[in-house]
Structure formats: structure tokens, C-alpha cells
Amino acid sequence: MSARTLGDPMMVGLFRAEVETHAATLNAGLLAMEKNPAGTGEVASLMRAAHSVKGAARIVNIEMAVRLAHAMEDVFVGVQSGAVVLDSEKIDVLLEGADTLARIGQLAADETYDDLMGLAETATGL
């Protein structure tokens, strides 16, 4: 299997920075919601973080990150509308999603698409 690069190293670098920043926001917000399940003050920032990761992943053509971030964003929209209530089990799944996005960002540091494809199975957990 030959290695395929993700493209423009500058854009990959921007993607990595976006993922690092927004994965931290996702983790912090989800942990805050886990401590205060009735509080929904974090939802807007969680939606923005997922949306930003989705856009950054789309630019560098990392489809699994696009799909994962989109799924997380949909959950946050559901929370905001009242259609979804986050319990500890759902928060754990979302935290795993944030961790997966962070790992995708770390692998993007190597600019190796094939390594990223190895994460595809874990990214479909949502």
C-alpha cells in the first residue's frame, strides 16, 4: 500500500491546529455537561467546535473526520432543540468522538492518508 499525502502541508498544518483547539473545546464542554446535565450553556460552543472541525476536515479531504464531526454536530443540534438528552452514556460516546478527532489530527501531522484510514473503524462509533 503506497502512502498518499493529504495535500498542501500548510492546509494540513491549519487542520491540525483546528482539530487540536476544537477537540479541547469539545472535551471541556462535554465534561462540564456531564457534571451539570441540566445545563445546556455549553451546547452552542460544542456545535461551533464540531462545525469548525467538519469544515477544516473537508478542506483537506479527510472524509471520516467530516462525517464524525457532522454526526457530533447533529447530536448537539438535537440537544439544543430538546430532541436529545445527554446522559453519561451519550457523553462518553461523544468524548470518544472528540478523542478520535484528536487522533486524526495527530496522524495528519505525518501527512499520511493511509494511516488515517486505519482509524475509519473507530470513527464510525457514533
Protein backbone atom coordinates (compact mmCIF):
# COMPACT_ATOMS: atom_id res chain seq x y z
CA MET A 1 0.00 0.00 0.00
CA SER A 2 1.58 3.26 -1.05
CA ALA A 3 1.34 6.36 1.07
CA ARG A 4 -0.84 9.15 -0.29
CA THR A 5 -0.36 12.62 1.06
CA LEU A 6 -3.19 14.81 2.24
CA GLY A 7 -2.13 17.70 0.05
CA ASP A 8 -0.86 21.16 0.84
CA PRO A 9 1.26 20.90 4.01
CA MET A 10 0.18 24.39 5.06
CA MET A 11 -3.50 23.40 4.94
CA VAL A 12 -2.74 20.18 6.82
CA GLY A 13 -1.00 22.26 9.47
CA LEU A 14 -4.05 24.51 9.77
CA PHE A 15 -6.26 21.41 10.04
CA ARG A 16 -4.09 20.04 12.84
CA ALA A 17 -4.31 23.32 14.75
CA GLU A 18 -8.09 23.49 14.27
CA VAL A 19 -8.57 19.93 15.48
CA GLU A 20 -6.32 20.42 18.50
CA THR A 21 -8.16 23.56 19.57
CA HIS A 22 -11.66 22.27 18.93
CA ALA A 23 -11.08 18.80 20.40
CA ALA A 24 -10.06 20.55 23.64
CA THR A 25 -13.25 22.65 23.47
CA LEU A 26 -15.33 19.52 22.88
CA ASN A 27 -13.73 17.68 25.79
CA ALA A 28 -14.09 20.59 28.20
CA GLY A 29 -17.68 21.29 27.20
CA LEU A 30 -18.73 17.67 27.40
CA LEU A 31 -17.13 17.23 30.81
CA ALA A 32 -18.94 20.36 32.01
CA MET A 33 -22.24 18.97 30.71
CA GLU A 34 -21.53 15.66 32.41
CA LYS A 35 -21.19 17.49 35.74
CA ASN A 36 -24.33 19.53 35.09
CA PRO A 37 -26.66 17.53 32.80
CA ALA A 38 -29.43 20.11 33.06
CA GLY A 39 -27.16 22.90 31.88
CA THR A 40 -27.17 23.48 28.14
CA GLY A 41 -24.94 26.56 28.14
CA GLU A 42 -22.12 24.60 26.54
CA VAL A 43 -24.14 23.37 23.55
CA ALA A 44 -23.55 26.38 21.29
CA SER A 45 -19.78 26.21 21.73
CA LEU A 46 -19.86 22.43 21.17
CA MET A 47 -21.83 22.91 17.95
CA ARG A 48 -19.35 25.54 16.74
CA ALA A 49 -16.38 23.32 17.56
CA ALA A 50 -17.82 20.33 15.70
CA HIS A 51 -18.80 22.55 12.76
CA SER A 52 -15.31 24.06 12.58
CA VAL A 53 -13.64 20.63 12.60
CA LYS A 54 -16.04 19.48 9.88
CA GLY A 55 -15.08 22.42 7.67
CA ALA A 56 -11.36 22.02 8.27
CA ALA A 57 -11.54 18.29 7.54
CA ARG A 58 -13.45 18.97 4.34
CA ILE A 59 -10.68 21.30 3.13
CA VAL A 60 -8.02 18.58 3.49
CA ASN A 61 -10.35 15.81 2.26
CA ILE A 62 -10.43 13.71 5.44
CA GLU A 63 -13.91 12.34 4.94
CA MET A 64 -14.01 10.27 8.12
CA ALA A 65 -13.38 13.40 10.20
CA VAL A 66 -16.04 15.26 8.21
CA ARG A 67 -18.57 12.50 8.92
CA LEU A 68 -17.67 12.17 12.58
CA ALA A 69 -17.77 15.92 13.23
CA HIS A 70 -21.08 16.15 11.34
CA ALA A 71 -22.59 13.36 13.46
CA MET A 72 -21.46 15.13 16.63
CA GLU A 73 -22.85 18.41 15.36
CA ASP A 74 -26.21 16.72 14.70
CA VAL A 75 -26.30 15.44 18.29
CA PHE A 76 -25.63 18.95 19.61
CA VAL A 77 -28.39 20.37 17.40
CA GLY A 78 -30.70 17.72 18.88
CA VAL A 79 -29.68 18.72 22.40
CA GLN A 80 -30.29 22.37 21.61
CA SER A 81 -33.76 21.64 20.22
CA GLY A 82 -34.66 19.36 23.12
CA ALA A 83 -34.93 16.24 20.95
CA VAL A 84 -31.83 14.67 22.55
CA VAL A 85 -31.00 14.48 26.24
CA LEU A 86 -27.36 13.82 27.01
CA ASP A 87 -26.87 11.15 29.63
CA SER A 88 -23.49 9.85 30.76
CA GLU A 89 -23.51 7.09 28.12
CA LYS A 90 -24.06 9.55 25.26
CA ILE A 91 -21.47 11.91 26.68
CA ASP A 92 -18.97 9.03 26.81
CA VAL A 93 -19.60 8.31 23.12
CA LEU A 94 -19.16 11.99 22.28
CA LEU A 95 -15.93 12.11 24.30
CA GLU A 96 -14.69 9.11 22.31
CA GLY A 97 -15.58 11.03 19.16
CA ALA A 98 -13.57 14.04 20.33
CA ASP A 99 -10.63 11.75 21.13
CA THR A 100 -10.89 10.16 17.68
CA LEU A 101 -10.85 13.59 16.05
CA ALA A 102 -7.75 14.47 18.09
CA ARG A 103 -6.05 11.25 16.95
CA ILE A 104 -6.92 12.03 13.34
CA GLY A 105 -5.29 15.43 13.81
CA GLN A 106 -2.17 13.82 15.26
CA LEU A 107 -1.91 11.40 12.36
CA ALA A 108 -2.37 14.26 9.93
CA ALA A 109 0.94 15.52 11.32
CA ASP A 110 2.56 12.71 9.38
CA GLU A 111 0.58 13.72 6.28
CA THR A 112 -0.07 10.07 5.57
CA TYR A 113 -3.55 9.31 4.34
CA ASP A 114 -3.18 5.54 4.71
CA ASP A 115 -2.54 5.87 8.45
CA LEU A 116 -5.69 7.94 8.76
CA MET A 117 -7.70 5.25 7.02
CA GLY A 118 -6.75 2.88 9.83
CA LEU A 119 -8.90 5.00 12.15
CA ALA A 120 -12.00 4.69 9.98
CA GLU A 121 -13.49 1.86 12.05
CA THR A 122 -13.25 3.79 15.31
CA ALA A 123 -14.67 6.93 13.72
CA THR A 124 -17.94 5.19 12.93
CA GLY A 125 -18.84 4.60 16.59
CA LEU A 126 -21.35 7.46 16.71
